[in-house]
Amino acid sequence: MNLSGTAPPMKAVDDEDDKFLVGELCQAGNCSNQRLYVAFSWNKDDAWALYVQVPDGLPSDKAPSRHASYRWLGEPDQSVRRMLDEQLKADPNWY
């Protein structure tokens, strides 16, 4: 996996009395097909990610969420999974 691409600034997220640094990275020129949502523990000792891949050439009338494959990295617990899933669902182009 190559981590070169575009990324908006990361942000601090509070979740169940823990604080995380969360962000998104996508393949340059292909943000709709390959994305990586990452979360770092506030002390930066732990990192987790959700890798989302949508098939190339998916018609615009097809919901990307129904055709995507998901891969969890770093063995996140349920609260981190929920937090990263919420980051994905916050994208207005994700339906």
C-alpha atoms as a PDB file:
ATOM      1  CA  MET A   1       0.000   0.000   0.000  1.00  0.00           C
ATOM      2  CA  ASN A   2       1.409   3.373  -1.004  1.00  0.00           C
ATOM      3  CA  LEU A   3       0.544   6.252   1.328  1.00  0.00           C
ATOM      4  CA  SER A   4       1.198   9.023  -1.178  1.00  0.00           C
ATOM      5  CA  GLY A   5      -1.902  11.032  -1.939  1.00  0.00           C
ATOM      6  CA  THR A   6      -3.990  13.953  -0.805  1.00  0.00           C
ATOM      7  CA  ALA A   7      -5.213  14.603   2.708  1.00  0.00           C
ATOM      8  CA  PRO A   8      -7.119  17.356   4.491  1.00  0.00           C
ATOM      9  CA  PRO A   9      -5.730  18.418   7.879  1.00  0.00           C
ATOM     10  CA  MET A  10      -6.178  15.898  10.663  1.00  0.00           C
ATOM     11  CA  LYS A  11      -8.478  16.791  13.542  1.00  0.00           C
ATOM     12  CA  ALA A  12      -8.845  15.975  17.217  1.00  0.00           C
ATOM     13  CA  VAL A  13     -11.816  13.755  18.083  1.00  0.00           C
ATOM     14  CA  ASP A  14     -13.087  12.981  21.584  1.00  0.00           C
ATOM     15  CA  ASP A  15     -14.639   9.541  21.956  1.00  0.00           C
ATOM     16  CA  GLU A  16     -15.670   7.881  25.220  1.00  0.00           C
ATOM     17  CA  ASP A  17     -13.221   9.793  27.442  1.00  0.00           C
ATOM     18  CA  ASP A  18     -10.361   9.233  24.961  1.00  0.00           C
ATOM     19  CA  LYS A  19      -8.895  11.685  22.494  1.00  0.00           C
ATOM     20  CA  PHE A  20      -7.674  10.757  19.015  1.00  0.00           C
ATOM     21  CA  LEU A  21      -6.059  12.413  16.023  1.00  0.00           C
ATOM     22  CA  VAL A  22      -8.167  11.411  13.004  1.00  0.00           C
ATOM     23  CA  GLY A  23      -7.779  12.015   9.291  1.00  0.00           C
ATOM     24  CA  GLU A  24      -8.355  10.778   5.783  1.00  0.00           C
ATOM     25  CA  LEU A  25      -5.927  10.013   2.999  1.00  0.00           C
ATOM     26  CA  CYS A  26      -6.870   9.153  -0.556  1.00  0.00           C
ATOM     27  CA  GLN A  27      -5.024   8.163  -3.673  1.00  0.00           C
ATOM     28  CA  ALA A  28      -4.178  11.259  -5.720  1.00  0.00           C
ATOM     29  CA  GLY A  29      -6.768  11.703  -8.472  1.00  0.00           C
ATOM     30  CA  ASN A  30      -8.787   8.738  -7.250  1.00  0.00           C
ATOM     31  CA  CYS A  31     -10.385   9.767  -3.942  1.00  0.00           C
ATOM     32  CA  SER A  32     -13.710   8.207  -4.815  1.00  0.00           C
ATOM     33  CA  ASN A  33     -12.192   4.734  -5.268  1.00  0.00           C
ATOM     34  CA  GLN A  34      -9.510   4.351  -2.591  1.00  0.00           C
ATOM     35  CA  ARG A  35      -9.491   5.952   0.863  1.00  0.00           C
ATOM     36  CA  LEU A  36      -7.741   5.369   4.129  1.00  0.00           C
ATOM     37  CA  TYR A  37      -9.256   6.704   7.354  1.00  0.00           C
ATOM     38  CA  VAL A  38      -6.682   6.773  10.157  1.00  0.00           C
ATOM     39  CA  ALA A  39      -6.858   7.287  13.906  1.00  0.00           C
ATOM     40  CA  PHE A  40      -3.909   7.808  16.230  1.00  0.00           C
ATOM     41  CA  SER A  41      -4.110   7.669  19.995  1.00  0.00           C
ATOM     42  CA  TRP A  42      -3.470  11.112  21.439  1.00  0.00           C
ATOM     43  CA  ASN A  43      -0.069  10.016  22.779  1.00  0.00           C
ATOM     44  CA  LYS A  44       0.658   8.533  19.300  1.00  0.00           C
ATOM     45  CA  ASP A  45       1.477   5.105  20.756  1.00  0.00           C
ATOM     46  CA  ASP A  46      -1.268   3.355  18.752  1.00  0.00           C
ATOM     47  CA  ALA A  47      -2.633   3.682  15.219  1.00  0.00           C
ATOM     48  CA  TRP A  48      -5.591   2.126  13.404  1.00  0.00           C
ATOM     49  CA  ALA A  49      -7.085   2.514   9.958  1.00  0.00           C
ATOM     50  CA  LEU A  50     -10.058   1.709   7.777  1.00  0.00           C
ATOM     51  CA  TYR A  51      -9.119   1.085   4.141  1.00  0.00           C
ATOM     52  CA  VAL A  52     -12.084   1.512   1.787  1.00  0.00           C
ATOM     53  CA  GLN A  53     -11.976   0.476  -1.840  1.00  0.00           C
ATOM     54  CA  VAL A  54     -14.749   1.022  -4.419  1.00  0.00           C
ATOM     55  CA  PRO A  55     -14.599  -0.723  -7.818  1.00  0.00           C
ATOM     56  CA  ASP A  56     -13.289   1.408 -10.690  1.00  0.00           C
ATOM     57  CA  GLY A  57     -15.958   2.583 -13.109  1.00  0.00           C
ATOM     58  CA  LEU A  58     -18.871   2.258 -10.699  1.00  0.00           C
ATOM     59  CA  PRO A  59     -21.814   4.114 -12.324  1.00  0.00           C
ATOM     60  CA  SER A  60     -22.879   7.288 -10.520  1.00  0.00           C
ATOM     61  CA  ASP A  61     -26.356   5.854  -9.903  1.00  0.00           C
ATOM     62  CA  LYS A  62     -24.872   3.026  -7.792  1.00  0.00           C
ATOM     63  CA  ALA A  63     -24.308   3.607  -4.075  1.00  0.00           C
ATOM     64  CA  PRO A  64     -20.579   3.284  -3.322  1.00  0.00           C
ATOM     65  CA  SER A  65     -21.351   1.983   0.182  1.00  0.00           C
ATOM     66  CA  ARG A  66     -23.096  -1.077  -1.297  1.00  0.00           C
ATOM     67  CA  HIS A  67     -20.151  -2.011  -3.538  1.00  0.00           C
ATOM     68  CA  ALA A  68     -17.181  -1.119  -1.338  1.00  0.00           C
ATOM     69  CA  SER A  69     -14.758  -3.466   0.334  1.00  0.00           C
ATOM     70  CA  TYR A  70     -13.520  -2.603   3.825  1.00  0.00           C
ATOM     71  CA  ARG A  71     -10.319  -3.613   5.558  1.00  0.00           C
ATOM     72  CA  TRP A  72      -9.476  -2.834   9.172  1.00  0.00           C
ATOM     73  CA  LEU A  73      -5.805  -2.285  10.007  1.00  0.00           C
ATOM     74  CA  GLY A  74      -4.218  -2.321  13.464  1.00  0.00           C
ATOM     75  CA  GLU A  75      -6.937  -4.386  15.178  1.00  0.00           C
ATOM     76  CA  PRO A  76      -9.148  -1.472  16.321  1.00  0.00           C
ATOM     77  CA  ASP A  77     -11.654  -2.073  19.105  1.00  0.00           C
ATOM     78  CA  GLN A  78     -15.367  -1.410  18.579  1.00  0.00           C
ATOM     79  CA  SER A  79     -15.218   2.245  19.655  1.00  0.00           C
ATOM     80  CA  VAL A  80     -12.366   3.027  17.218  1.00  0.00           C
ATOM     81  CA  ARG A  81     -14.177   1.136  14.441  1.00  0.00           C
ATOM     82  CA  ARG A  82     -17.321   3.162  15.112  1.00  0.00           C
ATOM     83  CA  MET A  83     -15.350   6.415  15.118  1.00  0.00           C
ATOM     84  CA  LEU A  84     -13.642   5.648  11.775  1.00  0.00           C
ATOM     85  CA  ASP A  85     -16.925   4.461  10.266  1.00  0.00           C
ATOM     86  CA  GLU A  86     -18.521   7.777  11.307  1.00  0.00           C
ATOM     87  CA  GLN A  87     -15.709   9.641   9.535  1.00  0.00           C
ATOM     88  CA  LEU A  88     -16.476   7.730   6.332  1.00  0.00           C
ATOM     89  CA  LYS A  89     -20.234   8.311   6.611  1.00  0.00           C
ATOM     90  CA  ALA A  90     -19.673  12.064   7.145  1.00  0.00           C
ATOM     91  CA  ASP A  91     -18.558  12.342   3.507  1.00  0.00           C
ATOM     92  CA  PRO A  92     -21.483  13.848   1.540  1.00  0.00           C
ATOM     93  CA  ASN A  93     -20.562  11.650  -1.458  1.00  0.00           C
ATOM     94  CA  TRP A  94     -20.904   8.451   0.586  1.00  0.00           C
ATOM     95  CA  TYR A  95     -24.365   6.951   0.419  1.00  0.00           C
END
